[in-house]
């Protein structure tokens, strides 16, 4: 139903304010989203699934089967490359400074990085957030993970991101092992269990 651009998941000056539901945290954007969602549900309930699918089609929507190729600088200015993690499991978390559940997830990911050390790389990519606010928050958290800003091309490489937090888990060979939307009650248990299996198999 929506693409990343619809939600404006980019930093200031990089597509911010262009999306249909941007800013996602505003009441008007929520109302537009609810109206579009209700329309899609009505179409499906009326047996007009083809029309609903056509309305939901987006060139940005895709499933990713492997860690995308990307190259950005992290917040410390160090190179961050999608092809630079061979032999390690990789967790990529998309988050925003205005998202309260994201903070709890980030703290948990810090413990994951400490627990598994060099066998795992955790990358936290901030979307729809001012870089200054991201830097302030990451300094406060002081977590041992890699931080980066979600440039439009970087966000698009991961497909259709319609919620934060969204977590991608990749195995040591770079294959997608799971995608987790939101901060569900079972998120930590599911990701840790799957991560342990990946590392044992590797």
N, C-alpha and C. Protein backbone atom coordinates (compact mmCIF):
# COMPACT_ATOMS: atom_id res chain seq x y z
N UNK A 1 0.81 -1.19 0.00
CA UNK A 1 0.00 0.00 0.00
C UNK A 1 0.85 1.25 0.00
N UNK A 2 2.08 1.16 0.51
CA UNK A 2 2.90 2.36 0.63
C UNK A 2 4.36 2.01 0.41
N UNK A 3 5.10 2.98 -0.08
CA UNK A 3 6.52 2.83 -0.29
C UNK A 3 7.27 3.64 0.76
N UNK A 4 8.59 3.46 0.88
CA UNK A 4 9.34 4.27 1.84
C UNK A 4 9.15 5.77 1.63
N UNK A 5 9.03 6.19 0.35
CA UNK A 5 8.88 7.62 0.07
C UNK A 5 7.56 8.16 0.63
N UNK A 6 6.52 7.29 0.66
CA UNK A 6 5.23 7.72 1.22
C UNK A 6 5.37 8.16 2.67
N UNK A 7 6.29 7.52 3.38
CA UNK A 7 6.47 7.82 4.80
C UNK A 7 7.59 8.83 5.04
N UNK A 8 8.31 9.20 3.97
CA UNK A 8 9.36 10.21 4.11
C UNK A 8 10.48 9.78 5.03
N UNK A 9 10.89 8.50 4.96
CA UNK A 9 11.90 7.99 5.88
C UNK A 9 13.31 8.42 5.47
N UNK A 10 13.52 9.70 5.35
CA UNK A 10 14.82 10.23 4.97
C UNK A 10 15.17 11.40 5.87
N UNK A 11 16.44 11.72 5.91
CA UNK A 11 16.87 12.85 6.72
C UNK A 11 16.50 14.17 6.07
N UNK A 12 16.63 15.26 6.81
CA UNK A 12 16.30 16.59 6.29
C UNK A 12 17.15 16.87 5.05
N UNK A 13 16.46 17.38 4.02
CA UNK A 13 17.16 17.70 2.78
C UNK A 13 17.34 16.51 1.87
N UNK A 14 16.85 15.31 2.25
CA UNK A 14 17.03 14.12 1.43
C UNK A 14 15.68 13.47 1.17
N UNK A 15 14.72 14.24 0.71
CA UNK A 15 13.41 13.68 0.44
C UNK A 15 12.45 13.88 1.58
N UNK A 16 12.88 14.52 2.65
CA UNK A 16 11.99 14.75 3.78
C UNK A 16 10.85 15.65 3.36
N UNK A 17 9.64 15.34 3.82
CA UNK A 17 8.49 16.16 3.52
C UNK A 17 7.82 15.83 2.20
N UNK A 18 8.37 14.86 1.44
CA UNK A 18 7.80 14.55 0.14
C UNK A 18 6.74 13.47 0.20
N UNK A 19 6.74 12.65 1.22
CA UNK A 19 5.86 11.49 1.25
C UNK A 19 4.41 11.82 1.58
N UNK A 20 3.52 10.93 1.15
CA UNK A 20 2.09 11.12 1.39
C UNK A 20 1.78 11.15 2.88
N UNK A 21 2.53 10.38 3.68
CA UNK A 21 2.26 10.31 5.11
C UNK A 21 3.32 11.03 5.94
N UNK A 22 4.04 11.96 5.31
CA UNK A 22 5.10 12.67 5.99
C UNK A 22 4.58 13.96 6.62
N UNK A 23 4.98 14.30 7.86
CA UNK A 23 5.72 13.43 8.77
C UNK A 23 4.78 12.38 9.37
N UNK A 24 5.25 11.15 9.51
CA UNK A 24 4.42 10.05 9.97
C UNK A 24 3.83 10.34 11.34
N UNK A 25 4.51 11.14 12.15
CA UNK A 25 4.05 11.38 13.51
C UNK A 25 2.94 12.43 13.61
N UNK A 26 2.57 13.08 12.49
CA UNK A 26 1.55 14.12 12.56
C UNK A 26 0.15 13.51 12.49
N UNK A 27 -0.83 14.19 13.08
CA UNK A 27 -2.21 13.71 13.09
C UNK A 27 -2.77 13.61 11.67
N UNK A 28 -2.46 14.60 10.84
CA UNK A 28 -2.97 14.58 9.47
C UNK A 28 -2.44 13.39 8.68
N UNK A 29 -1.18 13.07 8.88
CA UNK A 29 -0.59 11.93 8.19
C UNK A 29 -1.22 10.64 8.65
N UNK A 30 -1.45 10.53 9.94
CA UNK A 30 -2.11 9.33 10.47
C UNK A 30 -3.51 9.18 9.89
N UNK A 31 -4.20 10.29 9.75
CA UNK A 31 -5.56 10.24 9.19
C UNK A 31 -5.53 9.80 7.73
N UNK A 32 -4.58 10.31 6.95
CA UNK A 32 -4.45 9.87 5.56
C UNK A 32 -4.17 8.38 5.49
N UNK A 33 -3.26 7.93 6.36
CA UNK A 33 -2.91 6.51 6.37
C UNK A 33 -4.12 5.65 6.74
N UNK A 34 -4.88 6.06 7.76
CA UNK A 34 -6.07 5.31 8.18
C UNK A 34 -7.10 5.27 7.05
N UNK A 35 -7.29 6.39 6.36
CA UNK A 35 -8.26 6.43 5.26
C UNK A 35 -7.85 5.50 4.12
N UNK A 36 -6.56 5.51 3.77
CA UNK A 36 -6.08 4.63 2.70
C UNK A 36 -6.21 3.17 3.11
N UNK A 37 -5.89 2.88 4.36
CA UNK A 37 -5.99 1.50 4.84
C UNK A 37 -7.45 1.03 4.83
N UNK A 38 -8.37 1.89 5.27
CA UNK A 38 -9.79 1.54 5.27
C UNK A 38 -10.28 1.29 3.85
N UNK A 39 -9.81 2.12 2.91
CA UNK A 39 -10.21 1.92 1.52
C UNK A 39 -9.74 0.57 0.99
N UNK A 40 -8.52 0.18 1.31
CA UNK A 40 -7.99 -1.12 0.86
C UNK A 40 -8.78 -2.27 1.48
N UNK A 41 -9.11 -2.15 2.76
CA UNK A 41 -9.88 -3.20 3.43
C UNK A 41 -11.26 -3.33 2.80
N UNK A 42 -11.89 -2.19 2.49
CA UNK A 42 -13.20 -2.20 1.85
C UNK A 42 -13.14 -2.88 0.48
N UNK A 43 -12.10 -2.59 -0.29
CA UNK A 43 -11.96 -3.22 -1.61
C UNK A 43 -11.83 -4.73 -1.49
N UNK A 44 -11.01 -5.18 -0.55
CA UNK A 44 -10.82 -6.61 -0.37
C UNK A 44 -12.10 -7.28 0.12
N UNK A 45 -12.78 -6.62 1.07
CA UNK A 45 -14.04 -7.17 1.60
C UNK A 45 -15.10 -7.25 0.52
N UNK A 46 -15.04 -6.38 -0.47
CA UNK A 46 -16.02 -6.37 -1.56
C UNK A 46 -15.62 -7.31 -2.69
N UNK A 47 -14.54 -8.06 -2.48
CA UNK A 47 -14.10 -9.01 -3.50
C UNK A 47 -13.34 -8.38 -4.63
N UNK A 48 -12.87 -7.17 -4.45
CA UNK A 48 -12.14 -6.46 -5.50
C UNK A 48 -10.63 -6.48 -5.21
N UNK A 49 -10.12 -7.70 -5.00
CA UNK A 49 -8.72 -7.86 -4.61
C UNK A 49 -7.75 -7.36 -5.67
N UNK A 50 -8.11 -7.58 -6.94
CA UNK A 50 -7.21 -7.15 -8.02
C UNK A 50 -7.06 -5.63 -7.99
N UNK A 51 -8.16 -4.94 -7.76
CA UNK A 51 -8.11 -3.48 -7.68
C UNK A 51 -7.27 -3.03 -6.49
N UNK A 52 -7.41 -3.75 -5.36
CA UNK A 52 -6.62 -3.42 -4.18
C UNK A 52 -5.14 -3.64 -4.44
N UNK A 53 -4.81 -4.75 -5.09
CA UNK A 53 -3.40 -5.03 -5.40
C UNK A 53 -2.82 -3.97 -6.33
N UNK A 54 -3.62 -3.57 -7.32
CA UNK A 54 -3.15 -2.54 -8.25
C UNK A 54 -2.90 -1.23 -7.53
N UNK A 55 -3.75 -0.90 -6.58
CA UNK A 55 -3.57 0.33 -5.81
C UNK A 55 -2.40 0.26 -4.86
N UNK A 56 -2.05 -0.97 -4.47
CA UNK A 56 -0.94 -1.13 -3.53
C UNK A 56 0.40 -1.28 -4.21
N UNK A 57 0.39 -1.52 -5.52
CA UNK A 57 1.65 -1.77 -6.22
C UNK A 57 2.57 -0.59 -6.11
N UNK A 58 3.83 -0.88 -5.84
CA UNK A 58 4.84 0.18 -5.71
C UNK A 58 6.14 -0.30 -6.29
N UNK A 59 6.80 0.50 -7.12
CA UNK A 59 8.09 0.07 -7.67
C UNK A 59 9.14 -0.09 -6.59
N UNK A 60 8.94 0.51 -5.41
CA UNK A 60 9.92 0.39 -4.34
C UNK A 60 9.74 -0.88 -3.51
N UNK A 61 8.55 -1.51 -3.62
CA UNK A 61 8.26 -2.67 -2.79
C UNK A 61 8.99 -3.89 -3.33
N UNK A 62 9.69 -4.58 -2.48
CA UNK A 62 10.38 -5.80 -2.89
C UNK A 62 10.85 -6.52 -1.64
N UNK A 63 10.98 -7.82 -1.79
CA UNK A 63 11.58 -8.60 -0.72
C UNK A 63 13.06 -8.68 -0.99
N UNK A 64 13.86 -8.53 0.02
CA UNK A 64 15.29 -8.68 -0.20
C UNK A 64 15.71 -10.04 0.34
N UNK A 65 16.51 -10.72 -0.42
CA UNK A 65 16.94 -12.07 -0.05
C UNK A 65 18.36 -12.10 0.48
N UNK A 66 19.03 -10.96 0.40
CA UNK A 66 20.41 -10.89 0.86
C UNK A 66 20.73 -9.47 1.31
N UNK A 67 21.78 -9.33 2.08
CA UNK A 67 22.23 -8.02 2.53
C UNK A 67 22.54 -7.16 1.31
N UNK A 68 21.86 -6.03 1.15
CA UNK A 68 22.08 -5.21 -0.06
C UNK A 68 23.50 -4.64 -0.12
N UNK A 69 23.90 -4.36 -1.33
CA UNK A 69 25.16 -3.65 -1.54
C UNK A 69 24.93 -2.18 -1.22
N UNK A 70 25.73 -1.64 -0.33
CA UNK A 70 25.64 -0.22 -0.02
C UNK A 70 26.99 0.25 0.48
N UNK A 71 27.19 1.56 0.44
CA UNK A 71 28.43 2.15 0.94
C UNK A 71 28.12 3.53 1.47
N UNK A 72 28.18 3.69 2.78
CA UNK A 72 27.95 4.97 3.43
C UNK A 72 29.01 5.19 4.50
N UNK A 73 29.07 6.40 4.98
CA UNK A 73 29.93 6.69 6.13
C UNK A 73 29.05 6.64 7.38
N UNK A 74 29.56 6.00 8.44
CA UNK A 74 28.80 5.99 9.67
C UNK A 74 28.96 7.34 10.38
N UNK A 75 28.35 7.49 11.54
CA UNK A 75 28.39 8.78 12.22
C UNK A 75 29.79 9.17 12.69
N UNK A 76 30.69 8.19 12.75
CA UNK A 76 32.08 8.48 13.10
C UNK A 76 32.94 8.75 11.88
N UNK A 77 32.32 8.72 10.70
CA UNK A 77 33.07 8.97 9.47
C UNK A 77 33.75 7.75 8.90
N UNK A 78 33.54 6.58 9.51
CA UNK A 78 34.16 5.36 9.02
C UNK A 78 33.31 4.74 7.91
N UNK A 79 33.97 4.07 6.98
CA UNK A 79 33.28 3.42 5.87
C UNK A 79 32.42 2.26 6.37
N UNK A 80 31.21 2.19 5.84
CA UNK A 80 30.27 1.13 6.19
C UNK A 80 29.79 0.54 4.87
N UNK A 81 30.21 -0.70 4.59
CA UNK A 81 29.91 -1.33 3.30
C UNK A 81 29.11 -2.61 3.50
N UNK A 82 28.12 -2.82 2.64
CA UNK A 82 27.33 -4.04 2.73
C UNK A 82 28.12 -5.29 2.46
N UNK A 83 29.23 -5.16 1.73
CA UNK A 83 30.04 -6.34 1.42
C UNK A 83 31.22 -6.50 2.38
N UNK A 84 31.20 -5.77 3.49
CA UNK A 84 32.34 -5.81 4.40
C UNK A 84 32.15 -6.65 5.65
N UNK A 85 31.15 -7.58 5.64
CA UNK A 85 30.86 -8.33 6.86
C UNK A 85 30.89 -9.83 6.64
N UNK A 86 31.66 -10.29 5.69
CA UNK A 86 31.72 -11.72 5.39
C UNK A 86 32.08 -12.52 6.63
N UNK A 87 31.35 -13.59 6.86
CA UNK A 87 31.62 -14.47 7.99
C UNK A 87 30.97 -14.04 9.29
N UNK A 88 30.26 -12.90 9.26
CA UNK A 88 29.57 -12.41 10.46
C UNK A 88 28.08 -12.30 10.20
N UNK A 89 27.28 -12.60 11.21
CA UNK A 89 25.86 -12.29 11.12
C UNK A 89 25.72 -10.77 11.21
N UNK A 90 24.72 -10.23 10.53
CA UNK A 90 24.52 -8.79 10.51
C UNK A 90 23.07 -8.49 10.89
N UNK A 91 22.91 -7.56 11.82
CA UNK A 91 21.59 -7.05 12.18
C UNK A 91 21.54 -5.59 11.75
N UNK A 92 20.52 -5.25 10.95
CA UNK A 92 20.32 -3.87 10.52
C UNK A 92 18.98 -3.41 11.10
N UNK A 93 19.04 -2.37 11.91
CA UNK A 93 17.85 -1.84 12.56
C UNK A 93 17.54 -0.45 12.02
N UNK A 94 16.32 -0.26 11.51
CA UNK A 94 15.86 1.07 11.10
C UNK A 94 15.03 1.65 12.25
N UNK A 95 15.36 2.88 12.64
CA UNK A 95 14.75 3.48 13.81
C UNK A 95 14.61 4.98 13.60
N UNK A 96 13.94 5.65 14.54
CA UNK A 96 13.78 7.10 14.47
C UNK A 96 13.85 7.69 15.87
N UNK A 97 14.33 8.91 15.96
CA UNK A 97 14.47 9.55 17.28
C UNK A 97 13.13 9.77 17.95
N UNK A 98 12.05 9.92 17.17
CA UNK A 98 10.72 10.19 17.72
C UNK A 98 9.95 8.92 18.08
N UNK A 99 10.59 7.76 17.93
CA UNK A 99 9.94 6.46 18.14
C UNK A 99 10.33 5.90 19.51
N UNK A 100 9.46 6.00 20.54
CA UNK A 100 9.82 5.50 21.87
C UNK A 100 10.21 4.02 21.91
N UNK A 101 9.49 3.10 21.22
CA UNK A 101 9.89 1.69 21.28
C UNK A 101 11.29 1.44 20.70
N UNK A 102 11.72 2.33 19.81
CA UNK A 102 13.04 2.14 19.19
C UNK A 102 14.16 2.21 20.23
N UNK A 103 14.00 3.01 21.25
CA UNK A 103 15.08 3.16 22.24
C UNK A 103 15.31 1.87 23.00
N UNK A 104 14.22 1.21 23.39
CA UNK A 104 14.36 -0.06 24.07
C UNK A 104 15.01 -1.11 23.18
N UNK A 105 14.63 -1.10 21.91
CA UNK A 105 15.22 -2.06 20.96
C UNK A 105 16.70 -1.78 20.76
N UNK A 106 17.07 -0.51 20.68
CA UNK A 106 18.48 -0.16 20.51
C UNK A 106 19.31 -0.60 21.71
N UNK A 107 18.80 -0.38 22.92
CA UNK A 107 19.53 -0.83 24.11
C UNK A 107 19.72 -2.33 24.11
N UNK A 108 18.69 -3.06 23.73
CA UNK A 108 18.79 -4.52 23.64
C UNK A 108 19.82 -4.92 22.58
N UNK A 109 19.85 -4.22 21.43
CA UNK A 109 20.83 -4.54 20.40
C UNK A 109 22.25 -4.28 20.87
N UNK A 110 22.41 -3.29 21.76
CA UNK A 110 23.73 -3.07 22.35
C UNK A 110 24.19 -4.28 23.15
N UNK A 111 23.26 -4.90 23.88
CA UNK A 111 23.63 -6.11 24.65
C UNK A 111 23.92 -7.28 23.72
N UNK A 112 23.20 -7.35 22.59
CA UNK A 112 23.46 -8.40 21.60
C UNK A 112 24.89 -8.27 21.07
N UNK A 113 25.29 -7.02 20.73
CA UNK A 113 26.64 -6.79 20.21
C UNK A 113 27.69 -7.19 21.24
N UNK A 114 27.46 -6.83 22.49
CA UNK A 114 28.41 -7.19 23.55
C UNK A 114 28.46 -8.70 23.75
N UNK A 115 27.33 -9.34 23.72
CA UNK A 115 27.25 -10.79 23.97
C UNK A 115 27.95 -11.61 22.90
N UNK A 116 27.75 -11.24 21.62
CA UNK A 116 28.28 -12.06 20.53
C UNK A 116 29.58 -11.52 19.95
N UNK A 117 29.97 -10.32 20.35
CA UNK A 117 31.27 -9.78 19.93
C UNK A 117 31.45 -9.74 18.43
N UNK A 118 32.62 -10.17 17.96
CA UNK A 118 32.98 -10.08 16.55
C UNK A 118 32.22 -11.00 15.63
N UNK A 119 31.39 -11.89 16.18
CA UNK A 119 30.61 -12.78 15.32
C UNK A 119 29.38 -12.09 14.74
N UNK A 120 29.06 -10.90 15.26
CA UNK A 120 27.87 -10.17 14.84
C UNK A 120 28.23 -8.69 14.64
N UNK A 121 27.62 -8.07 13.65
CA UNK A 121 27.70 -6.62 13.49
C UNK A 121 26.30 -6.05 13.55
N UNK A 122 26.09 -5.09 14.43
CA UNK A 122 24.79 -4.43 14.55
C UNK A 122 24.92 -3.03 13.95
N UNK A 123 24.03 -2.73 13.00
CA UNK A 123 24.02 -1.43 12.34
C UNK A 123 22.66 -0.79 12.60
N UNK A 124 22.65 0.42 13.15
CA UNK A 124 21.41 1.14 13.42
C UNK A 124 21.32 2.32 12.47
N UNK A 125 20.29 2.33 11.64
CA UNK A 125 20.13 3.36 10.62
C UNK A 125 18.94 4.24 10.98
N UNK A 126 19.20 5.52 11.19
CA UNK A 126 18.16 6.47 11.59
C UNK A 126 17.42 7.00 10.37
N UNK A 127 16.08 7.01 10.45
CA UNK A 127 15.25 7.53 9.37
C UNK A 127 14.34 8.64 9.92
N UNK A 128 13.92 9.52 9.05
CA UNK A 128 13.04 10.64 9.38
C UNK A 128 13.46 11.33 10.68
N UNK A 129 14.74 11.59 10.81
CA UNK A 129 15.30 12.18 12.03
C UNK A 129 16.39 13.17 11.66
N UNK A 130 16.49 14.26 12.41
CA UNK A 130 17.56 15.22 12.21
C UNK A 130 18.87 14.62 12.70
N UNK A 131 19.93 14.84 11.93
CA UNK A 131 21.21 14.25 12.28
C UNK A 131 21.69 14.74 13.65
N UNK A 132 21.45 16.00 13.97
CA UNK A 132 21.90 16.51 15.27
C UNK A 132 21.21 15.77 16.41
N UNK A 133 19.91 15.48 16.25
CA UNK A 133 19.18 14.73 17.29
C UNK A 133 19.68 13.30 17.37
N UNK A 134 20.00 12.72 16.22
CA UNK A 134 20.54 11.35 16.20
C UNK A 134 21.87 11.31 16.93
N UNK A 135 22.74 12.27 16.64
CA UNK A 135 24.05 12.29 17.31
C UNK A 135 23.91 12.48 18.82
N UNK A 136 23.00 13.35 19.23
CA UNK A 136 22.78 13.56 20.67
C UNK A 136 22.32 12.27 21.34
N UNK A 137 21.36 11.60 20.72
CA UNK A 137 20.82 10.39 21.33
C UNK A 137 21.83 9.25 21.35
N UNK A 138 22.57 9.07 20.27
CA UNK A 138 23.55 7.99 20.25
C UNK A 138 24.66 8.24 21.27
N UNK A 139 25.00 9.50 21.47
CA UNK A 139 26.01 9.82 22.49
C UNK A 139 25.49 9.49 23.88
N UNK A 140 24.20 9.78 24.14
CA UNK A 140 23.60 9.46 25.42
C UNK A 140 23.56 7.96 25.66
N UNK A 141 23.20 7.22 24.61
CA UNK A 141 23.07 5.77 24.76
C UNK A 141 24.42 5.08 24.94
N UNK A 142 25.43 5.56 24.22
CA UNK A 142 26.77 5.00 24.36
C UNK A 142 26.85 3.51 24.05
N UNK A 143 26.18 3.06 23.01
CA UNK A 143 26.12 1.63 22.69
C UNK A 143 27.21 1.25 21.69
N UNK A 144 27.71 0.01 21.76
CA UNK A 144 28.81 -0.43 20.88
C UNK A 144 28.33 -0.92 19.53
N UNK A 145 27.51 -0.13 18.86
CA UNK A 145 27.00 -0.52 17.55
C UNK A 145 27.33 0.56 16.53
N UNK A 146 27.17 0.24 15.24
CA UNK A 146 27.48 1.19 14.17
C UNK A 146 26.23 2.02 13.89
N UNK A 147 26.40 3.33 13.80
CA UNK A 147 25.28 4.25 13.58
C UNK A 147 25.43 4.90 12.21
N UNK A 148 24.31 5.07 11.50
CA UNK A 148 24.34 5.75 10.21
C UNK A 148 23.01 6.45 9.98
N UNK A 149 23.05 7.45 9.11
CA UNK A 149 21.84 8.14 8.71
C UNK A 149 21.23 7.44 7.49
N UNK A 150 19.91 7.39 7.45
CA UNK A 150 19.21 6.68 6.38
C UNK A 150 19.02 7.53 5.14
N UNK A 151 20.06 7.64 4.33
CA UNK A 151 19.93 8.32 3.05
C UNK A 151 18.90 7.61 2.18
N UNK A 152 18.24 8.32 1.25
CA UNK A 152 17.20 7.69 0.43
C UNK A 152 17.66 6.43 -0.28
N UNK A 153 18.86 6.46 -0.88
CA UNK A 153 19.31 5.28 -1.62
C UNK A 153 19.57 4.11 -0.68
N UNK A 154 20.03 4.39 0.52
CA UNK A 154 20.28 3.33 1.49
C UNK A 154 18.96 2.71 1.96
N UNK A 155 17.97 3.54 2.25
CA UNK A 155 16.67 3.03 2.68
C UNK A 155 16.02 2.22 1.58
N UNK A 156 16.06 2.71 0.35
CA UNK A 156 15.44 2.00 -0.77
C UNK A 156 16.06 0.63 -0.99
N UNK A 157 17.35 0.51 -0.70
CA UNK A 157 18.02 -0.78 -0.90
C UNK A 157 17.42 -1.89 -0.05
N UNK A 158 16.77 -1.52 1.05
CA UNK A 158 16.18 -2.51 1.95
C UNK A 158 14.69 -2.74 1.68
N UNK A 159 14.16 -2.15 0.61
CA UNK A 159 12.79 -2.42 0.23
C UNK A 159 11.79 -1.46 0.85
N UNK A 160 10.59 -1.98 1.09
CA UNK A 160 9.47 -1.15 1.53
C UNK A 160 9.42 -1.09 3.05
N UNK A 161 9.95 -0.03 3.63
CA UNK A 161 9.96 0.12 5.08
C UNK A 161 8.74 0.95 5.48
N UNK A 162 7.76 0.31 6.08
CA UNK A 162 6.53 1.00 6.42
C UNK A 162 6.37 1.20 7.92
N UNK A 163 7.37 0.83 8.70
CA UNK A 163 7.26 0.98 10.15
C UNK A 163 8.65 1.08 10.77
N UNK A 164 8.71 1.71 11.92
CA UNK A 164 9.92 1.67 12.74
C UNK A 164 9.50 1.24 14.15
N UNK A 165 10.33 0.45 14.80
CA UNK A 165 11.56 -0.14 14.27
C UNK A 165 11.28 -1.27 13.30
N UNK A 166 12.19 -1.45 12.34
CA UNK A 166 12.21 -2.62 11.47
C UNK A 166 13.61 -3.20 11.56
N UNK A 167 13.69 -4.51 11.79
CA UNK A 167 14.97 -5.18 11.99
C UNK A 167 15.17 -6.25 10.93
N UNK A 168 16.32 -6.22 10.28
CA UNK A 168 16.71 -7.25 9.31
C UNK A 168 17.83 -8.08 9.93
N UNK A 169 17.73 -9.39 9.80
CA UNK A 169 18.78 -10.29 10.28
C UNK A 169 19.32 -11.06 9.09
N UNK A 170 20.65 -11.01 8.91
CA UNK A 170 21.32 -11.70 7.81
C UNK A 170 22.31 -12.71 8.38
N UNK A 171 22.39 -13.86 7.73
CA UNK A 171 23.31 -14.90 8.21
C UNK A 171 24.75 -14.57 7.80
N UNK A 172 25.74 -15.35 8.28
CA UNK A 172 27.14 -15.03 7.97
C UNK A 172 27.49 -15.07 6.49
N UNK A 173 26.62 -15.69 5.67
CA UNK A 173 26.84 -15.71 4.23
C UNK A 173 26.14 -14.54 3.55
N UNK A 174 25.44 -13.71 4.33
CA UNK A 174 24.78 -12.54 3.78
C UNK A 174 23.35 -12.76 3.35
N UNK A 175 22.80 -13.96 3.58
CA UNK A 175 21.42 -14.25 3.19
C UNK A 175 20.45 -13.73 4.25
N UNK A 176 19.28 -13.30 3.81
CA UNK A 176 18.26 -12.82 4.74
C UNK A 176 17.73 -13.98 5.57
N UNK A 177 17.81 -13.83 6.88
CA UNK A 177 17.29 -14.85 7.78
C UNK A 177 15.94 -14.46 8.37
N UNK A 178 15.65 -13.17 8.42
CA UNK A 178 14.37 -12.73 8.95
C UNK A 178 14.23 -11.23 8.91
N UNK A 179 12.98 -10.77 8.82
CA UNK A 179 12.65 -9.35 8.88
C UNK A 179 11.57 -9.20 9.94
N UNK A 180 11.77 -8.27 10.87
CA UNK A 180 10.88 -8.13 12.02
C UNK A 180 10.40 -6.68 12.09
N UNK A 181 9.08 -6.51 12.06
CA UNK A 181 8.48 -5.18 12.06
C UNK A 181 7.92 -4.85 13.44
N UNK A 182 8.30 -3.68 13.95
CA UNK A 182 7.79 -3.24 15.24
C UNK A 182 8.54 -3.85 16.41
N UNK A 183 8.17 -3.40 17.61
CA UNK A 183 8.79 -3.91 18.84
C UNK A 183 7.79 -4.83 19.53
N UNK A 184 7.61 -6.02 18.97
CA UNK A 184 6.64 -6.97 19.49
C UNK A 184 7.15 -7.60 20.79
N UNK A 185 6.25 -8.16 21.61
CA UNK A 185 6.68 -8.77 22.88
C UNK A 185 7.66 -9.93 22.70
N UNK A 186 7.60 -10.59 21.55
CA UNK A 186 8.47 -11.76 21.32
C UNK A 186 9.71 -11.44 20.50
N UNK A 187 9.90 -10.16 20.16
CA UNK A 187 11.00 -9.79 19.26
C UNK A 187 12.36 -10.28 19.77
N UNK A 188 12.69 -9.95 21.00
CA UNK A 188 14.02 -10.29 21.52
C UNK A 188 14.25 -11.79 21.49
N UNK A 189 13.27 -12.53 21.97
CA UNK A 189 13.41 -13.99 22.03
C UNK A 189 13.56 -14.59 20.63
N UNK A 190 12.75 -14.13 19.69
CA UNK A 190 12.80 -14.67 18.33
C UNK A 190 14.13 -14.38 17.66
N UNK A 191 14.59 -13.14 17.77
CA UNK A 191 15.83 -12.77 17.09
C UNK A 191 17.03 -13.48 17.74
N UNK A 192 17.08 -13.50 19.05
CA UNK A 192 18.20 -14.16 19.73
C UNK A 192 18.24 -15.65 19.42
N UNK A 193 17.09 -16.29 19.39
CA UNK A 193 17.03 -17.71 19.09
C UNK A 193 17.51 -17.99 17.67
N UNK A 194 17.04 -17.18 16.74
CA UNK A 194 17.45 -17.37 15.35
C UNK A 194 18.93 -17.04 15.18
N UNK A 195 19.42 -16.02 15.83
CA UNK A 195 20.82 -15.65 15.74
C UNK A 195 21.73 -16.75 16.28
N UNK A 196 21.35 -17.32 17.42
CA UNK A 196 22.14 -18.42 17.98
C UNK A 196 22.21 -19.61 17.02
N UNK A 197 21.10 -19.92 16.37
CA UNK A 197 21.09 -21.02 15.41
C UNK A 197 22.01 -20.71 14.22
N UNK A 198 21.94 -19.49 13.73
CA UNK A 198 22.79 -19.10 12.61
C UNK A 198 24.27 -19.25 12.94
N UNK A 199 24.63 -18.79 14.12
CA UNK A 199 26.04 -18.82 14.51
C UNK A 199 26.52 -20.24 14.81
N UNK A 200 25.62 -21.07 15.30
CA UNK A 200 25.96 -22.47 15.55
C UNK A 200 26.16 -23.22 14.25
N UNK A 201 25.26 -22.94 13.29
CA UNK A 201 25.35 -23.60 11.99
C UNK A 201 26.59 -23.15 11.23
N UNK A 202 26.94 -21.85 11.45
CA UNK A 202 28.10 -21.31 10.72
C UNK A 202 29.39 -21.85 11.27
